[in-house]
Structures are given as C-alpha cells and as structure tokens.
Amino acid sequence: MRVAFLGLGIMGQAMATNLVKAGHEVTVWNRTPGKVVEGAGIAPTPAAAARGAEVVWLCVSDTDAVESVLFGADGVEPSLAEGMIIADSSTISPTATLKFAERVAARGVGYVDAPMTGSKIGARDGTLVFIVGGDEAHIEGIKPLFAAMGKKIFRMGETSKGQATKLAMNLQIALIFEGFAEALTLATKLGVDSEKLLSLIEATMVRSGVVDYKAPFILQRDFTANFPLRLMHKDIRLTLEAAKEARVKLPALETVEEIYQMATEDGHKDLDYAATLTLLEKWAGVQVKGKAAA
C-alpha cells in the first residue's frame, strides 16, 4: 500500500521502518528534519507526503500536533482524496478525534483512531497492540499495515473509542506504577530487600505487566525513556479532561498528576515515567536498587 507516515519519534520511526520491511511504499515526514527511514521517501511537508497516498498514518505528540498536521499550514487536508484513510496512532482527545473525523469525512476520507501499547520495544519488534476505533470496513482495509507493525488489534467501537480506551488503559498504568513505586520506597525505608520483595510480588496476585516490565529498569537505575514522563503526563491530563467532560471523578489520578507535575519541575520530563519514583525516594531519603546496581 502507498502510505504517508507522519511523525518519526520514539515509536513512529520504528513503525515506519516495519512498514517498509513489509513491502509497503512509504513516504515519511517529521517535524524536526534529519530523521530518516531506510527505504522510505522523505517529504518536506505533510501535504507533500500525503499526495497520492492510500493511507495517511500519524504518530505525533498530542492533540494540537494532530490538528496542525491535518489542517494547519502545509497540512494534509488539501492532499486528501475520496477513498483515502487516515489512521492516527497518537494518543489524543476523544472529543477532538470525532471533530477531525467529521471534517475529513466531508471529503470522503475515512478516519481510524489507532493508539497503541507496547512501548518502543514493541514498535521495534512489530509486536504492538492497537486499540482501535472506527468503521469496520476502514479497519479491514488497513489490516495489512496493522499486521506489519503489531501483533493484535482490538476494535473498541466507532471513531474515538480507541482513544477513549487508551486513556482508560494509561490511567491504570499510571496508578499501578505509582502503587508499585510507593511500595518499593516504603519497603526500602523499612529495610526490606528490593529483589526479595519483587520475588514475592511475582508469586502473588500483586503481580502485573507494569511491574514485570519496569522492575528490571528500576533495579538497574535505568530511567532512559521507553515512555517519556512528559507524554504520560500529557495522557494523564487528557484523561482528567475527558473525565471532566463526562462528569466522572478520578481522585487517585488527580493526586498522581500532581506527582508528575513535581517530577517535571524537578527536570525529569524527558526520562521514563518510572522516574517519578525518584521523587518518593528523595522525600524518604532512600534509593531503591538491586544488587547489580549497588
């Protein structure tokens, strides 16, 4: 398929690479020049990338970025043609997603919201899980692209339901990790060995995918961004905005958002979101680490 891939960040560059490896004709664009994908064409603007494409795939930072890429100066809108499909793997506002979909529908263009989970390792290995909203026929039409980048698709309903579900998923990730970080900090302060605590967690109902994934990095004191704190903070704010629109109270997430704000002020925004642990450690006067990092 002819694909315009817009956004070559932590996830996007690997996703576009896998599309090329699967034999698709890919043209890429990135807001910051200099990033390339071997085997793909490079366009100077989103509009140029989208010209003649069957599918326009976005993976950018936030709602404003999606709107700019679609409808701003040099955006894809003038290049849209009837029968094209836009797929958005950014994590953005569900309400805005509906508005964007309605606008392009006037040109006969389909819109699929397709945020994903799996972090940068999943993007690299082509094992992402896509959380999708949109018309079944549109989703079916781009299944070969999903297959090149991921291992599974969950259709959650019509347009915007993928974004709504992704916010609910990231809400859980943020809260699960916060509980894990607080438990590690308290246990360390009370003299409990971190590696022994993790062995216990793995053997009980407390175990989770979040803990399994993050624990090895924490014990090595490796806070290199797999999922940058600034992006998780953005998603938490999106979730709180969506909750406010729906008149739903999220008191635990409101508290965690304050932690992220303080971590940002401490200069950790470009580290992995696991770096929120360092605030708890600072307040407690301890440091969590495994024997190998001692």
C-alpha atoms as a PDB file:
ATOM      1  CA  MET A   1       0.000   0.000   0.000  1.00  0.00           C
ATOM      2  CA  ARG A   2       1.065   3.614  -0.506  1.00  0.00           C
ATOM      3  CA  VAL A   3       1.500   5.101   2.953  1.00  0.00           C
ATOM      4  CA  ALA A   4       2.346   8.595   4.178  1.00  0.00           C
ATOM      5  CA  PHE A   5       3.788   8.177   7.671  1.00  0.00           C
ATOM      6  CA  LEU A   6       3.871  11.404   9.670  1.00  0.00           C
ATOM      7  CA  GLY A   7       5.918  11.542  12.865  1.00  0.00           C
ATOM      8  CA  LEU A   8       9.225   9.754  13.450  1.00  0.00           C
ATOM      9  CA  GLY A   9       9.532   9.871  17.219  1.00  0.00           C
ATOM     10  CA  ILE A  10      10.352   7.034  19.627  1.00  0.00           C
ATOM     11  CA  MET A  11       7.514   4.926  18.226  1.00  0.00           C
ATOM     12  CA  GLY A  12       6.960   6.291  14.748  1.00  0.00           C
ATOM     13  CA  GLN A  13      10.395   5.721  13.263  1.00  0.00           C
ATOM     14  CA  ALA A  14      10.317   2.028  14.153  1.00  0.00           C
ATOM     15  CA  MET A  15       6.724   1.666  12.949  1.00  0.00           C
ATOM     16  CA  ALA A  16       7.525   3.234   9.590  1.00  0.00           C
ATOM     17  CA  THR A  17      10.607   1.011   9.290  1.00  0.00           C
ATOM     18  CA  ASN A  18       8.461  -2.086   9.748  1.00  0.00           C
ATOM     19  CA  LEU A  19       6.045  -0.888   7.064  1.00  0.00           C
ATOM     20  CA  VAL A  20       8.948  -0.599   4.631  1.00  0.00           C
ATOM     21  CA  LYS A  21      10.219  -4.060   5.619  1.00  0.00           C
ATOM     22  CA  ALA A  22       6.748  -5.468   4.896  1.00  0.00           C
ATOM     23  CA  GLY A  23       6.965  -4.153   1.342  1.00  0.00           C
ATOM     24  CA  HIS A  24       4.754  -1.084   1.535  1.00  0.00           C
ATOM     25  CA  GLU A  25       5.564   2.100  -0.379  1.00  0.00           C
ATOM     26  CA  VAL A  26       6.233   4.597   2.414  1.00  0.00           C
ATOM     27  CA  THR A  27       6.857   8.332   2.371  1.00  0.00           C
ATOM     28  CA  VAL A  28       7.768   9.911   5.710  1.00  0.00           C
ATOM     29  CA  TRP A  29       7.680  13.367   7.220  1.00  0.00           C
ATOM     30  CA  ASN A  30       8.885  14.558  10.613  1.00  0.00           C
ATOM     31  CA  ARG A  31       8.510  17.965  12.219  1.00  0.00           C
ATOM     32  CA  THR A  32      12.233  18.053  13.079  1.00  0.00           C
ATOM     33  CA  PRO A  33      14.295  17.460   9.914  1.00  0.00           C
ATOM     34  CA  GLY A  34      17.067  14.891   9.822  1.00  0.00           C
ATOM     35  CA  LYS A  35      15.248  11.676  10.766  1.00  0.00           C
ATOM     36  CA  VAL A  36      15.115   9.068   8.027  1.00  0.00           C
ATOM     37  CA  VAL A  37      13.694   5.611   7.452  1.00  0.00           C
ATOM     38  CA  GLU A  38      15.782   3.396   5.192  1.00  0.00           C
ATOM     39  CA  GLY A  39      13.862   2.556   2.051  1.00  0.00           C
ATOM     40  CA  ALA A  40      11.250   5.308   2.512  1.00  0.00           C
ATOM     41  CA  GLY A  41      10.853   8.549   0.636  1.00  0.00           C
ATOM     42  CA  ILE A  42      11.159  11.829   2.523  1.00  0.00           C
ATOM     43  CA  ALA A  43       8.640  14.645   2.070  1.00  0.00           C
ATOM     44  CA  PRO A  44       9.170  18.287   3.032  1.00  0.00           C
ATOM     45  CA  THR A  45       5.621  18.756   4.337  1.00  0.00           C
ATOM     46  CA  PRO A  46       2.667  16.616   5.477  1.00  0.00           C
ATOM     47  CA  ALA A  47       0.750  17.748   2.382  1.00  0.00           C
ATOM     48  CA  ALA A  48       3.534  16.523   0.105  1.00  0.00           C
ATOM     49  CA  ALA A  49       3.784  13.202   1.936  1.00  0.00           C
ATOM     50  CA  ALA A  50       0.028  12.601   1.650  1.00  0.00           C
ATOM     51  CA  ARG A  51      -0.214  13.403  -2.068  1.00  0.00           C
ATOM     52  CA  GLY A  52      -1.153  10.181  -3.866  1.00  0.00           C
ATOM     53  CA  ALA A  53      -1.161   8.057  -0.699  1.00  0.00           C
ATOM     54  CA  GLU A  54      -3.837   5.486   0.051  1.00  0.00           C
ATOM     55  CA  VAL A  55      -3.322   5.800   3.807  1.00  0.00           C
ATOM     56  CA  VAL A  56      -2.044   8.666   5.949  1.00  0.00           C
ATOM     57  CA  TRP A  57      -0.694   7.347   9.263  1.00  0.00           C
ATOM     58  CA  LEU A  58       0.012   9.758  12.121  1.00  0.00           C
ATOM     59  CA  CYS A  59       2.128   9.229  15.210  1.00  0.00           C
ATOM     60  CA  VAL A  60       2.731  12.627  16.795  1.00  0.00           C
ATOM     61  CA  SER A  61       2.867  14.050  20.286  1.00  0.00           C
ATOM     62  CA  ASP A  62      -0.541  15.487  21.163  1.00  0.00           C
ATOM     63  CA  THR A  63      -3.928  16.794  20.045  1.00  0.00           C
ATOM     64  CA  ASP A  64      -2.558  20.126  18.829  1.00  0.00           C
ATOM     65  CA  ALA A  65       0.085  18.362  16.765  1.00  0.00           C
ATOM     66  CA  VAL A  66      -2.517  16.131  15.082  1.00  0.00           C
ATOM     67  CA  GLU A  67      -4.667  19.147  14.259  1.00  0.00           C
ATOM     68  CA  SER A  68      -1.681  21.007  12.842  1.00  0.00           C
ATOM     69  CA  VAL A  69      -0.521  18.080  10.709  1.00  0.00           C
ATOM     70  CA  LEU A  70      -4.011  17.553   9.340  1.00  0.00           C
ATOM     71  CA  PHE A  71      -5.343  21.071   8.952  1.00  0.00           C
ATOM     72  CA  GLY A  72      -2.546  23.581   9.580  1.00  0.00           C
ATOM     73  CA  ALA A  73      -0.217  25.283   7.140  1.00  0.00           C
ATOM     74  CA  ASP A  74       1.193  22.587   4.833  1.00  0.00           C
ATOM     75  CA  GLY A  75      -1.180  20.062   6.469  1.00  0.00           C
ATOM     76  CA  VAL A  76      -2.571  17.061   4.630  1.00  0.00           C
ATOM     77  CA  GLU A  77      -6.103  18.380   4.078  1.00  0.00           C
ATOM     78  CA  PRO A  78      -5.530  19.761   0.526  1.00  0.00           C
ATOM     79  CA  SER A  79      -3.991  16.412  -0.480  1.00  0.00           C
ATOM     80  CA  LEU A  80      -6.919  14.321   0.714  1.00  0.00           C
ATOM     81  CA  ALA A  81      -8.930  12.445  -1.904  1.00  0.00           C
ATOM     82  CA  GLU A  82     -12.042  10.326  -1.718  1.00  0.00           C
ATOM     83  CA  GLY A  83     -11.333   6.776  -0.560  1.00  0.00           C
ATOM     84  CA  MET A  84      -8.222   7.608   1.446  1.00  0.00           C
ATOM     85  CA  ILE A  85      -7.973   6.555   5.090  1.00  0.00           C
ATOM     86  CA  ILE A  86      -6.356   8.485   7.928  1.00  0.00           C
ATOM     87  CA  ALA A  87      -5.102   6.376  10.846  1.00  0.00           C
ATOM     88  CA  ASP A  88      -3.954   8.146  13.988  1.00  0.00           C
ATOM     89  CA  SER A  89      -1.700   6.314  16.437  1.00  0.00           C
ATOM     90  CA  SER A  90      -1.124   9.387  18.575  1.00  0.00           C
ATOM     91  CA  THR A  91      -2.839   9.488  21.970  1.00  0.00           C
ATOM     92  CA  ILE A  92      -5.179  12.474  21.865  1.00  0.00           C
ATOM     93  CA  SER A  93      -8.559  13.797  22.963  1.00  0.00           C
ATOM     94  CA  PRO A  94     -11.526  11.574  22.019  1.00  0.00           C
ATOM     95  CA  THR A  95     -13.663  14.678  21.515  1.00  0.00           C
ATOM     96  CA  ALA A  96     -11.135  16.209  19.135  1.00  0.00           C
ATOM     97  CA  THR A  97     -10.853  12.883  17.303  1.00  0.00           C
ATOM     98  CA  LEU A  98     -14.563  12.997  16.479  1.00  0.00           C
ATOM     99  CA  LYS A  99     -14.244  16.550  15.158  1.00  0.00           C
ATOM    100  CA  PHE A 100     -11.261  15.651  12.978  1.00  0.00           C
ATOM    101  CA  ALA A 101     -13.073  12.583  11.611  1.00  0.00           C
ATOM    102  CA  GLU A 102     -16.166  14.623  10.755  1.00  0.00           C
ATOM    103  CA  ARG A 103     -14.092  17.214   8.918  1.00  0.00           C
ATOM    104  CA  VAL A 104     -12.282  14.720   6.677  1.00  0.00           C
ATOM    105  CA  ALA A 105     -15.455  12.706   6.105  1.00  0.00           C
ATOM    106  CA  ALA A 106     -16.742  15.676   4.095  1.00  0.00           C
ATOM    107  CA  ARG A 107     -14.015  14.804   1.571  1.00  0.00           C
ATOM    108  CA  GLY A 108     -14.931  11.125   1.513  1.00  0.00           C
ATOM    109  CA  VAL A 109     -11.969  10.176   3.702  1.00  0.00           C
ATOM    110  CA  GLY A 110     -12.181   7.521   6.421  1.00  0.00           C
ATOM    111  CA  TYR A 111     -10.721   8.048   9.881  1.00  0.00           C
ATOM    112  CA  VAL A 112      -9.436   5.374  12.247  1.00  0.00           C
ATOM    113  CA  ASP A 113      -8.131   6.199  15.703  1.00  0.00           C
ATOM    114  CA  ALA A 114      -5.471   3.613  16.451  1.00  0.00           C
ATOM    115  CA  PRO A 115      -3.422   4.378  19.559  1.00  0.00           C
ATOM    116  CA  MET A 116      -1.231   1.504  20.643  1.00  0.00           C
ATOM    117  CA  THR A 117       0.520  -0.072  23.578  1.00  0.00           C
ATOM    118  CA  GLY A 118       3.802  -1.949  23.698  1.00  0.00           C
ATOM    119  CA  SER A 119       6.373   0.804  24.197  1.00  0.00           C
ATOM    120  CA  LYS A 120       9.410   1.349  21.989  1.00  0.00           C
ATOM    121  CA  ILE A 121      10.419  -2.321  22.163  1.00  0.00           C
ATOM    122  CA  GLY A 122       7.042  -3.343  20.736  1.00  0.00           C
ATOM    123  CA  ALA A 123       7.411  -0.728  17.990  1.00  0.00           C
ATOM    124  CA  ARG A 124      10.872  -2.027  17.138  1.00  0.00           C
ATOM    125  CA  ASP A 125       9.828  -5.680  17.118  1.00  0.00           C
ATOM    126  CA  GLY A 126       6.493  -5.170  15.355  1.00  0.00           C
ATOM    127  CA  THR A 127       4.552  -6.501  18.345  1.00  0.00           C
ATOM    128  CA  LEU A 128       2.379  -3.502  19.191  1.00  0.00           C
ATOM    129  CA  VAL A 129      -1.211  -3.937  20.327  1.00  0.00           C
ATOM    130  CA  PHE A 130      -3.525  -1.479  18.580  1.00  0.00           C
ATOM    131  CA  ILE A 131      -6.591  -0.083  20.343  1.00  0.00           C
ATOM    132  CA  VAL A 132      -8.864   0.914  17.509  1.00  0.00           C
ATOM    133  CA  GLY A 133     -11.976   2.957  16.876  1.00  0.00           C
ATOM    134  CA  GLY A 134     -13.655   3.399  13.507  1.00  0.00           C
ATOM    135  CA  ASP A 135     -15.736   1.863  10.756  1.00  0.00           C
ATOM    136  CA  GLU A 136     -15.126  -1.869  10.359  1.00  0.00           C
ATOM    137  CA  ALA A 137     -14.620  -1.551   6.615  1.00  0.00           C
ATOM    138  CA  HIS A 138     -11.940   1.104   7.078  1.00  0.00           C
ATOM    139  CA  ILE A 139     -10.149  -1.002   9.674  1.00  0.00           C
ATOM    140  CA  GLU A 140     -10.326  -4.056   7.422  1.00  0.00           C
ATOM    141  CA  GLY A 141      -8.864  -2.011   4.584  1.00  0.00           C
ATOM    142  CA  ILE A 142      -5.684  -1.223   6.506  1.00  0.00           C
ATOM    143  CA  LYS A 143      -5.210  -4.582   8.231  1.00  0.00           C
ATOM    144  CA  PRO A 144      -2.003  -5.319   6.265  1.00  0.00           C
ATOM    145  CA  LEU A 145      -0.481  -2.196   7.835  1.00  0.00           C
ATOM    146  CA  PHE A 146      -1.545  -3.190  11.322  1.00  0.00           C
ATOM    147  CA  ALA A 147      -0.050  -6.639  10.698  1.00  0.00           C
ATOM    148  CA  ALA A 148       3.296  -5.106   9.710  1.00  0.00           C
ATOM    149  CA  MET A 149       3.547  -3.101  12.923  1.00  0.00           C
ATOM    150  CA  GLY A 150       1.731  -5.119  15.559  1.00  0.00           C
ATOM    151  CA  LYS A 151       0.538  -8.484  16.796  1.00  0.00           C
ATOM    152  CA  LYS A 152      -3.070  -7.702  17.691  1.00  0.00           C
ATOM    153  CA  ILE A 153      -5.943  -5.299  17.021  1.00  0.00           C
ATOM    154  CA  PHE A 154      -8.765  -4.616  19.455  1.00  0.00           C
ATOM    155  CA  ARG A 155     -11.670  -2.746  17.846  1.00  0.00           C
ATOM    156  CA  MET A 156     -13.349  -0.916  20.714  1.00  0.00           C
ATOM    157  CA  GLY A 157     -16.203   0.631  18.726  1.00  0.00           C
ATOM    158  CA  GLU A 158     -16.786   3.581  16.461  1.00  0.00           C
ATOM    159  CA  THR A 159     -14.481   6.541  15.896  1.00  0.00           C
ATOM    160  CA  SER A 160     -12.967   7.968  19.132  1.00  0.00           C
ATOM    161  CA  LYS A 161     -13.499   4.762  21.132  1.00  0.00           C
ATOM    162  CA  GLY A 162      -9.887   3.746  20.549  1.00  0.00           C
ATOM    163  CA  GLN A 163      -8.695   6.999  22.096  1.00  0.00           C
ATOM    164  CA  ALA A 164     -11.163   6.721  24.972  1.00  0.00           C
ATOM    165  CA  THR A 165      -9.946   3.196  25.712  1.00  0.00           C
ATOM    166  CA  LYS A 166      -6.280   4.197  25.517  1.00  0.00           C
ATOM    167  CA  LEU A 167      -6.878   6.867  28.171  1.00  0.00           C
ATOM    168  CA  ALA A 168      -8.516   4.268  30.408  1.00  0.00           C
ATOM    169  CA  MET A 169      -5.538   1.963  29.879  1.00  0.00           C
ATOM    170  CA  ASN A 170      -2.962   4.637  30.685  1.00  0.00           C
ATOM    171  CA  LEU A 171      -4.939   5.630  33.767  1.00  0.00           C
ATOM    172  CA  GLN A 172      -4.389   2.088  35.039  1.00  0.00           C
ATOM    173  CA  ILE A 173      -0.704   2.054  34.108  1.00  0.00           C
ATOM    174  CA  ALA A 174      -0.100   5.326  35.950  1.00  0.00           C
ATOM    175  CA  LEU A 175      -1.905   4.163  39.087  1.00  0.00           C
ATOM    176  CA  ILE A 176      -0.373   0.682  39.097  1.00  0.00           C
ATOM    177  CA  PHE A 177       3.119   2.089  38.760  1.00  0.00           C
ATOM    178  CA  GLU A 178       2.501   4.684  41.469  1.00  0.00           C
ATOM    179  CA  GLY A 179       1.405   1.915  43.869  1.00  0.00           C
ATOM    180  CA  PHE A 180       4.478  -0.128  42.956  1.00  0.00           C
ATOM    181  CA  ALA A 181       6.806   2.858  43.411  1.00  0.00           C
ATOM    182  CA  GLU A 182       5.318   3.739  46.787  1.00  0.00           C
ATOM    183  CA  ALA A 183       5.582   0.115  47.943  1.00  0.00           C
ATOM    184  CA  LEU A 184       9.233  -0.094  46.872  1.00  0.00           C
ATOM    185  CA  THR A 185      10.049   3.167  48.624  1.00  0.00           C
ATOM    186  CA  LEU A 186       8.360   2.180  51.872  1.00  0.00           C
ATOM    187  CA  ALA A 187       9.865  -1.305  51.856  1.00  0.00           C
ATOM    188  CA  THR A 188      13.338   0.110  51.236  1.00  0.00           C
ATOM    189  CA  LYS A 189      12.927   2.606  54.069  1.00  0.00           C
ATOM    190  CA  LEU A 190      11.873  -0.240  56.372  1.00  0.00           C
ATOM    191  CA  GLY A 191      14.910  -2.294  55.408  1.00  0.00           C
ATOM    192  CA  VAL A 192      13.301  -4.833  53.072  1.00  0.00           C
ATOM    193  CA  ASP A 193      15.483  -6.110  50.223  1.00  0.00           C
ATOM    194  CA  SER A 194      14.035  -4.907  46.899  1.00  0.00           C
ATOM    195  CA  GLU A 195      14.873  -8.073  44.980  1.00  0.00           C
ATOM    196  CA  LYS A 196      13.235 -10.264  47.623  1.00  0.00           C
ATOM    197  CA  LEU A 197      10.136  -8.058  47.521  1.00  0.00           C
ATOM    198  CA  LEU A 198       9.987  -8.473  43.736  1.00  0.00           C
ATOM    199  CA  SER A 199      10.252 -12.254  44.037  1.00  0.00           C
ATOM    200  CA  LEU A 200       7.262 -12.157  46.373  1.00  0.00           C
ATOM    201  CA  ILE A 201       5.293  -9.875  44.042  1.00  0.00           C
ATOM    202  CA  GLU A 202       5.916 -12.237  41.123  1.00  0.00           C
ATOM    203  CA  ALA A 203       4.489 -15.150  43.123  1.00  0.00           C
ATOM    204  CA  THR A 204       1.278 -13.407  44.209  1.00  0.00           C
ATOM    205  CA  MET A 205      -1.814 -11.665  42.852  1.00  0.00           C
ATOM    206  CA  VAL A 206       0.018  -8.329  43.144  1.00  0.00           C
ATOM    207  CA  ARG A 207       1.977  -9.218  40.013  1.00  0.00           C
ATOM    208  CA  SER A 208       1.228  -7.114  36.929  1.00  0.00           C
ATOM    209  CA  GLY A 209       2.594  -6.478  33.468  1.00  0.00           C
ATOM    210  CA  VAL A 210       3.590  -2.974  34.534  1.00  0.00           C
ATOM    211  CA  VAL A 211       5.696  -4.323  37.394  1.00  0.00           C
ATOM    212  CA  ASP A 212       7.200  -7.081  35.235  1.00  0.00           C
ATOM    213  CA  TYR A 213       8.262  -4.551  32.608  1.00  0.00           C
ATOM    214  CA  LYS A 214       9.501  -1.721  34.814  1.00  0.00           C
ATOM    215  CA  ALA A 215      11.163  -3.543  37.715  1.00  0.00           C
ATOM    216  CA  PRO A 216      14.400  -4.575  35.903  1.00  0.00           C
ATOM    217  CA  PHE A 217      14.977  -0.999  34.736  1.00  0.00           C
ATOM    218  CA  ILE A 218      14.379   0.392  38.221  1.00  0.00           C
ATOM    219  CA  LEU A 219      16.750  -2.058  39.902  1.00  0.00           C
ATOM    220  CA  GLN A 220      19.440  -1.016  37.402  1.00  0.00           C
ATOM    221  CA  ARG A 221      18.632   2.688  37.957  1.00  0.00           C
ATOM    222  CA  ASP A 222      17.920   2.979  34.219  1.00  0.00           C
ATOM    223  CA  PHE A 223      15.364   5.722  33.588  1.00  0.00           C
ATOM    224  CA  THR A 224      16.053   6.064  29.869  1.00  0.00           C
ATOM    225  CA  ALA A 225      12.744   6.847  28.192  1.00  0.00           C
ATOM    226  CA  ASN A 226      10.729   3.899  26.936  1.00  0.00           C
ATOM    227  CA  PHE A 227       7.631   6.023  27.533  1.00  0.00           C
ATOM    228  CA  PRO A 228       8.707   9.589  28.362  1.00  0.00           C
ATOM    229  CA  LEU A 229       7.308  11.102  31.533  1.00  0.00           C
ATOM    230  CA  ARG A 230       6.168  14.193  29.605  1.00  0.00           C
ATOM    231  CA  LEU A 231       3.964  12.042  27.345  1.00  0.00           C
ATOM    232  CA  MET A 232       2.455  10.080  30.214  1.00  0.00           C
ATOM    233  CA  HIS A 233       1.795  13.393  31.958  1.00  0.00           C
ATOM    234  CA  LYS A 234       0.062  14.602  28.788  1.00  0.00           C
ATOM    235  CA  ASP A 235      -2.085  11.462  28.746  1.00  0.00           C
ATOM    236  CA  ILE A 236      -2.997  11.867  32.408  1.00  0.00           C
ATOM    237  CA  ARG A 237      -4.156  15.405  31.713  1.00  0.00           C
ATOM    238  CA  LEU A 238      -6.152  14.206  28.697  1.00  0.00           C
ATOM    239  CA  THR A 239      -7.781  11.581  30.893  1.00  0.00           C
ATOM    240  CA  LEU A 240      -8.720  14.130  33.524  1.00  0.00           C
ATOM    241  CA  GLU A 241     -10.156  16.400  30.822  1.00  0.00           C
ATOM    242  CA  ALA A 242     -12.224  13.543  29.386  1.00  0.00           C
ATOM    243  CA  ALA A 243     -13.421  12.661  32.882  1.00  0.00           C
ATOM    244  CA  LYS A 244     -14.454  16.254  33.500  1.00  0.00           C
ATOM    245  CA  GLU A 245     -16.417  16.290  30.238  1.00  0.00           C
ATOM    246  CA  ALA A 246     -18.156  13.064  31.288  1.00  0.00           C
ATOM    247  CA  ARG A 247     -18.696  14.278  34.870  1.00  0.00           C
ATOM    248  CA  VAL A 248     -16.596  11.459  36.321  1.00  0.00           C
ATOM    249  CA  LYS A 249     -14.406  11.972  39.395  1.00  0.00           C
ATOM    250  CA  LEU A 250     -10.900  10.432  39.374  1.00  0.00           C
ATOM    251  CA  PRO A 251      -9.401  11.338  42.760  1.00  0.00           C
ATOM    252  CA  ALA A 252      -6.465   8.919  42.624  1.00  0.00           C
ATOM    253  CA  LEU A 253      -5.412  10.119  39.180  1.00  0.00           C
ATOM    254  CA  GLU A 254      -5.700  13.747  40.297  1.00  0.00           C
ATOM    255  CA  THR A 255      -3.158  13.009  43.031  1.00  0.00           C
ATOM    256  CA  VAL A 256      -0.823  11.179  40.648  1.00  0.00           C
ATOM    257  CA  GLU A 257      -0.995  14.119  38.233  1.00  0.00           C
ATOM    258  CA  GLU A 258       0.490  16.283  40.993  1.00  0.00           C
ATOM    259  CA  ILE A 259       3.394  13.828  41.270  1.00  0.00           C
ATOM    260  CA  TYR A 260       4.018  14.119  37.543  1.00  0.00           C
ATOM    261  CA  GLN A 261       3.901  17.898  37.734  1.00  0.00           C
ATOM    262  CA  MET A 262       6.512  17.907  40.511  1.00  0.00           C
ATOM    263  CA  ALA A 263       8.672  15.407  38.609  1.00  0.00           C
ATOM    264  CA  THR A 264       8.511  17.704  35.596  1.00  0.00           C
ATOM    265  CA  GLU A 265       9.551  20.656  37.732  1.00  0.00           C
ATOM    266  CA  ASP A 266      12.460  18.526  39.016  1.00  0.00           C
ATOM    267  CA  GLY A 267      13.708  18.207  35.429  1.00  0.00           C
ATOM    268  CA  HIS A 268      12.620  14.617  34.719  1.00  0.00           C
ATOM    269  CA  LYS A 269      10.192  15.196  31.837  1.00  0.00           C
ATOM    270  CA  ASP A 270      12.373  13.523  29.193  1.00  0.00           C
ATOM    271  CA  LEU A 271      13.144  10.483  31.342  1.00  0.00           C
ATOM    272  CA  ASP A 272      10.896   7.433  31.511  1.00  0.00           C
ATOM    273  CA  TYR A 273       7.751   7.917  33.584  1.00  0.00           C
ATOM    274  CA  ALA A 274       9.267   5.450  36.055  1.00  0.00           C
ATOM    275  CA  ALA A 275      11.433   8.371  37.174  1.00  0.00           C
ATOM    276  CA  THR A 276       8.509   9.531  39.314  1.00  0.00           C
ATOM    277  CA  LEU A 277       9.990   7.034  41.775  1.00  0.00           C
ATOM    278  CA  THR A 278      12.891   9.419  42.361  1.00  0.00           C
ATOM    279  CA  LEU A 279      10.561  11.956  43.989  1.00  0.00           C
ATOM    280  CA  LEU A 280       9.357   9.391  46.511  1.00  0.00           C
ATOM    281  CA  GLU A 281      12.953   8.364  47.168  1.00  0.00           C
ATOM    282  CA  LYS A 282      14.011  11.967  47.711  1.00  0.00           C
ATOM    283  CA  TRP A 283      11.220  12.573  50.200  1.00  0.00           C
ATOM    284  CA  ALA A 284      12.003   9.323  52.042  1.00  0.00           C
ATOM    285  CA  GLY A 285      15.785   9.720  51.959  1.00  0.00           C
ATOM    286  CA  VAL A 286      16.365   6.311  50.348  1.00  0.00           C
ATOM    287  CA  GLN A 287      17.243   4.835  46.971  1.00  0.00           C
ATOM    288  CA  VAL A 288      15.749   1.663  45.534  1.00  0.00           C
ATOM    289  CA  LYS A 289      18.192  -0.533  43.603  1.00  0.00           C
ATOM    290  CA  GLY A 290      19.191  -4.116  43.013  1.00  0.00           C
ATOM    291  CA  LYS A 291      22.463  -5.738  43.977  1.00  0.00           C
ATOM    292  CA  ALA A 292      23.877  -5.340  40.446  1.00  0.00           C
ATOM    293  CA  ALA A 293      23.368  -1.571  40.629  1.00  0.00           C
ATOM    294  CA  ALA A 294      24.665  -1.232  44.191  1.00  0.00           C
END
